[in-house]
Every structure is written in C-alpha cells, then in structure tokens.
C-alpha atoms as a PDB file:
ATOM      1  CA  MET A   1     -22.885   7.011   8.846  1.00  0.00           C
ATOM      2  CA  GLN A   2     -24.349   4.705   7.373  1.00  0.00           C
ATOM      3  CA  LYS A   3     -27.357   2.763   9.428  1.00  0.00           C
ATOM      4  CA  ARG A   4     -25.185  -0.314  11.219  1.00  0.00           C
ATOM      5  CA  GLN A   5     -27.374  -3.183   9.036  1.00  0.00           C
ATOM      6  CA  ASN A   6     -26.010  -1.779   5.987  1.00  0.00           C
ATOM      7  CA  GLN A   7     -22.261  -1.031   7.452  1.00  0.00           C
ATOM      8  CA  THR A   8     -19.487  -3.551   6.815  1.00  0.00           C
ATOM      9  CA  ALA A   9     -17.029  -5.160   9.614  1.00  0.00           C
ATOM     10  CA  VAL A  10     -14.821  -2.580   8.269  1.00  0.00           C
ATOM     11  CA  GLU A  11     -16.896   0.508   9.004  1.00  0.00           C
ATOM     12  CA  GLN A  12     -18.505  -0.484  11.926  1.00  0.00           C
ATOM     13  CA  LEU A  13     -14.823  -1.085  13.190  1.00  0.00           C
ATOM     14  CA  CYS A  14     -13.562   2.257  11.936  1.00  0.00           C
ATOM     15  CA  GLU A  15     -16.883   3.798  13.939  1.00  0.00           C
ATOM     16  CA  ARG A  16     -16.290   1.720  17.359  1.00  0.00           C
ATOM     17  CA  ILE A  17     -12.277   2.884  17.224  1.00  0.00           C
ATOM     18  CA  ALA A  18     -12.899   6.618  16.776  1.00  0.00           C
ATOM     19  CA  THR A  19     -15.780   6.384  19.501  1.00  0.00           C
ATOM     20  CA  LYS A  20     -13.535   5.007  21.904  1.00  0.00           C
ATOM     21  CA  SER A  21     -10.814   7.132  20.683  1.00  0.00           C
ATOM     22  CA  ASN A  22     -12.979  10.181  21.124  1.00  0.00           C
ATOM     23  CA  TRP A  23     -12.141  11.013  17.566  1.00  0.00           C
ATOM     24  CA  CYS A  24     -14.399  13.004  15.060  1.00  0.00           C
ATOM     25  CA  ALA A  25     -15.409  10.264  12.892  1.00  0.00           C
ATOM     26  CA  ILE A  26     -14.767  12.493   9.737  1.00  0.00           C
ATOM     27  CA  THR A  27     -11.543  13.146  10.625  1.00  0.00           C
ATOM     28  CA  PHE A  28     -10.564   9.240  11.320  1.00  0.00           C
ATOM     29  CA  TYR A  29     -11.593   8.172   8.039  1.00  0.00           C
ATOM     30  CA  ILE A  30      -9.378  11.161   6.592  1.00  0.00           C
ATOM     31  CA  ASP A  31      -6.214   9.844   8.922  1.00  0.00           C
ATOM     32  CA  ASN A  32      -6.512   6.911   8.267  1.00  0.00           C
ATOM     33  CA  GLU A  33      -8.034   6.669   4.205  1.00  0.00           C
ATOM     34  CA  LYS A  34      -5.467   4.104   2.982  1.00  0.00           C
ATOM     35  CA  GLU A  35      -5.702   1.507   5.570  1.00  0.00           C
ATOM     36  CA  ILE A  36      -9.055   1.556   5.308  1.00  0.00           C
ATOM     37  CA  LYS A  37      -9.227   0.654   1.991  1.00  0.00           C
ATOM     38  CA  GLU A  38      -6.969  -1.916   1.995  1.00  0.00           C
ATOM     39  CA  ALA A  39      -9.450  -3.367   4.870  1.00  0.00           C
ATOM     40  CA  LYS A  40     -12.753  -3.122   2.884  1.00  0.00           C
ATOM     41  CA  GLU A  41     -10.881  -4.507  -0.702  1.00  0.00           C
ATOM     42  CA  ILE A  42      -9.585  -7.348   1.500  1.00  0.00           C
ATOM     43  CA  GLU A  43     -13.360  -7.986   3.058  1.00  0.00           C
ATOM     44  CA  ARG A  44     -14.564  -7.519  -0.245  1.00  0.00           C
ATOM     45  CA  LYS A  45     -12.287  -9.814  -2.139  1.00  0.00           C
ATOM     46  CA  ARG A  46     -13.240 -12.161   1.006  1.00  0.00           C
ATOM     47  CA  MET A  47     -16.780 -11.873   0.461  1.00  0.00           C
ATOM     48  CA  CYS A  48     -16.525 -12.685  -3.576  1.00  0.00           C
ATOM     49  CA  ASP A  49     -14.288 -15.471  -2.923  1.00  0.00           C
ATOM     50  CA  PHE A  50     -17.130 -16.994  -0.768  1.00  0.00           C
ATOM     51  CA  ALA A  51     -19.976 -16.075  -2.802  1.00  0.00           C
ATOM     52  CA  TYR A  52     -17.877 -18.084  -5.517  1.00  0.00           C
ATOM     53  CA  TYR A  53     -17.063 -20.961  -3.522  1.00  0.00           C
ATOM     54  CA  TYR A  54     -20.617 -21.507  -2.237  1.00  0.00           C
ATOM     55  CA  ALA A  55     -21.771 -21.216  -6.286  1.00  0.00           C
ATOM     56  CA  GLU A  56     -19.641 -23.797  -7.267  1.00  0.00           C
ATOM     57  CA  ASN A  57     -20.909 -26.179  -4.401  1.00  0.00           C
ATOM     58  CA  LEU A  58     -24.197 -25.444  -5.402  1.00  0.00           C
ATOM     59  CA  LYS A  59     -23.270 -26.000  -9.181  1.00  0.00           C
ATOM     60  CA  ALA A  60     -21.838 -29.246  -8.219  1.00  0.00           C
ATOM     61  CA  GLY A  61     -24.967 -30.747  -6.483  1.00  0.00           C
ATOM     62  CA  MET A  62     -23.555 -30.588  -2.833  1.00  0.00           C
ATOM     63  CA  ASN A  63     -26.356 -31.432  -0.542  1.00  0.00           C
ATOM     64  CA  GLU A  64     -25.418 -29.076   2.487  1.00  0.00           C
ATOM     65  CA  THR A  65     -27.136 -26.772   4.679  1.00  0.00           C
ATOM     66  CA  PRO A  66     -25.917 -23.648   4.896  1.00  0.00           C
ATOM     67  CA  GLU A  67     -24.589 -24.264   8.071  1.00  0.00           C
ATOM     68  CA  ASP A  68     -22.696 -27.294   6.671  1.00  0.00           C
ATOM     69  CA  PHE A  69     -21.280 -24.870   4.186  1.00  0.00           C
ATOM     70  CA  LEU A  70     -20.448 -22.047   6.821  1.00  0.00           C
ATOM     71  CA  GLU A  71     -18.320 -24.885   8.928  1.00  0.00           C
ATOM     72  CA  GLU A  72     -16.432 -25.691   5.965  1.00  0.00           C
ATOM     73  CA  TYR A  73     -15.720 -22.475   4.914  1.00  0.00           C
ATOM     74  CA  GLU A  74     -14.611 -21.631   8.037  1.00  0.00           C
ATOM     75  CA  HIS A  75     -12.343 -24.320   8.117  1.00  0.00           C
ATOM     76  CA  TYR A  76     -10.794 -23.474   4.696  1.00  0.00           C
ATOM     77  CA  ASN A  77     -10.159 -20.098   5.616  1.00  0.00           C
ATOM     78  CA  GLU A  78      -8.601 -21.462   8.884  1.00  0.00           C
ATOM     79  CA  THR A  79      -6.072 -23.588   7.140  1.00  0.00           C
ATOM     80  CA  HIS A  80      -5.913 -21.215   3.528  1.00  0.00           C
ATOM     81  CA  GLY A  81      -7.038 -17.913   3.976  1.00  0.00           C
ATOM     82  CA  ASP A  82      -3.662 -16.638   5.847  1.00  0.00           C
ATOM     83  CA  ASP A  83      -2.757 -15.246   2.140  1.00  0.00           C
ATOM     84  CA  ASP A  84      -4.481 -11.189   3.411  1.00  0.00           C
ATOM     85  CA  LYS A  85      -2.618 -11.333   6.231  1.00  0.00           C
ATOM     86  CA  GLN A  86       0.794 -11.056   4.825  1.00  0.00           C
END
C-alpha cells in the first residue's frame, strides 16, 4: 500500500472498503480490478480537465484567487459534470 498522502481518492476508498469488509486488500483489488481501473480513469480525466480549465483561465488573464476558481469549478461540475455518471 502507498502512503495515504500519495494515494488517489479511489485508492483510499478501496482501502477503506476492504478494511470495513474484513477482506484482504489484495483479494479486494483482484476481485474488483475492472471497476477500480474505470474509477481511476474517471478520476484521472477529471484532474486533467481541472488542470486544463485552470490553465485556460490563467492564460485568459483571469485574476481569480484559487478559492474563487475552485468554487466556479465545483459549480461547473455540479451543473455539467454528470457525463461520467452515465
């Protein structure tokens, strides 16, 4: 297992589920390999989208604070970010 600070949200969730279910972590990962890979790909895509969107705002000369940007990005995900849930 990775140190918690280096784990993705998907990896942390898998670890917690395996622990709560009293499963061996290795068995849990093997039994759910396809779903875990899909979840990691969704997480990776969202992070790439976030980075691209942030870079585009910086390039456009937006003078937002990181907090303003995060609020705007969260609002965008709430209203337009449901593509991954289908």
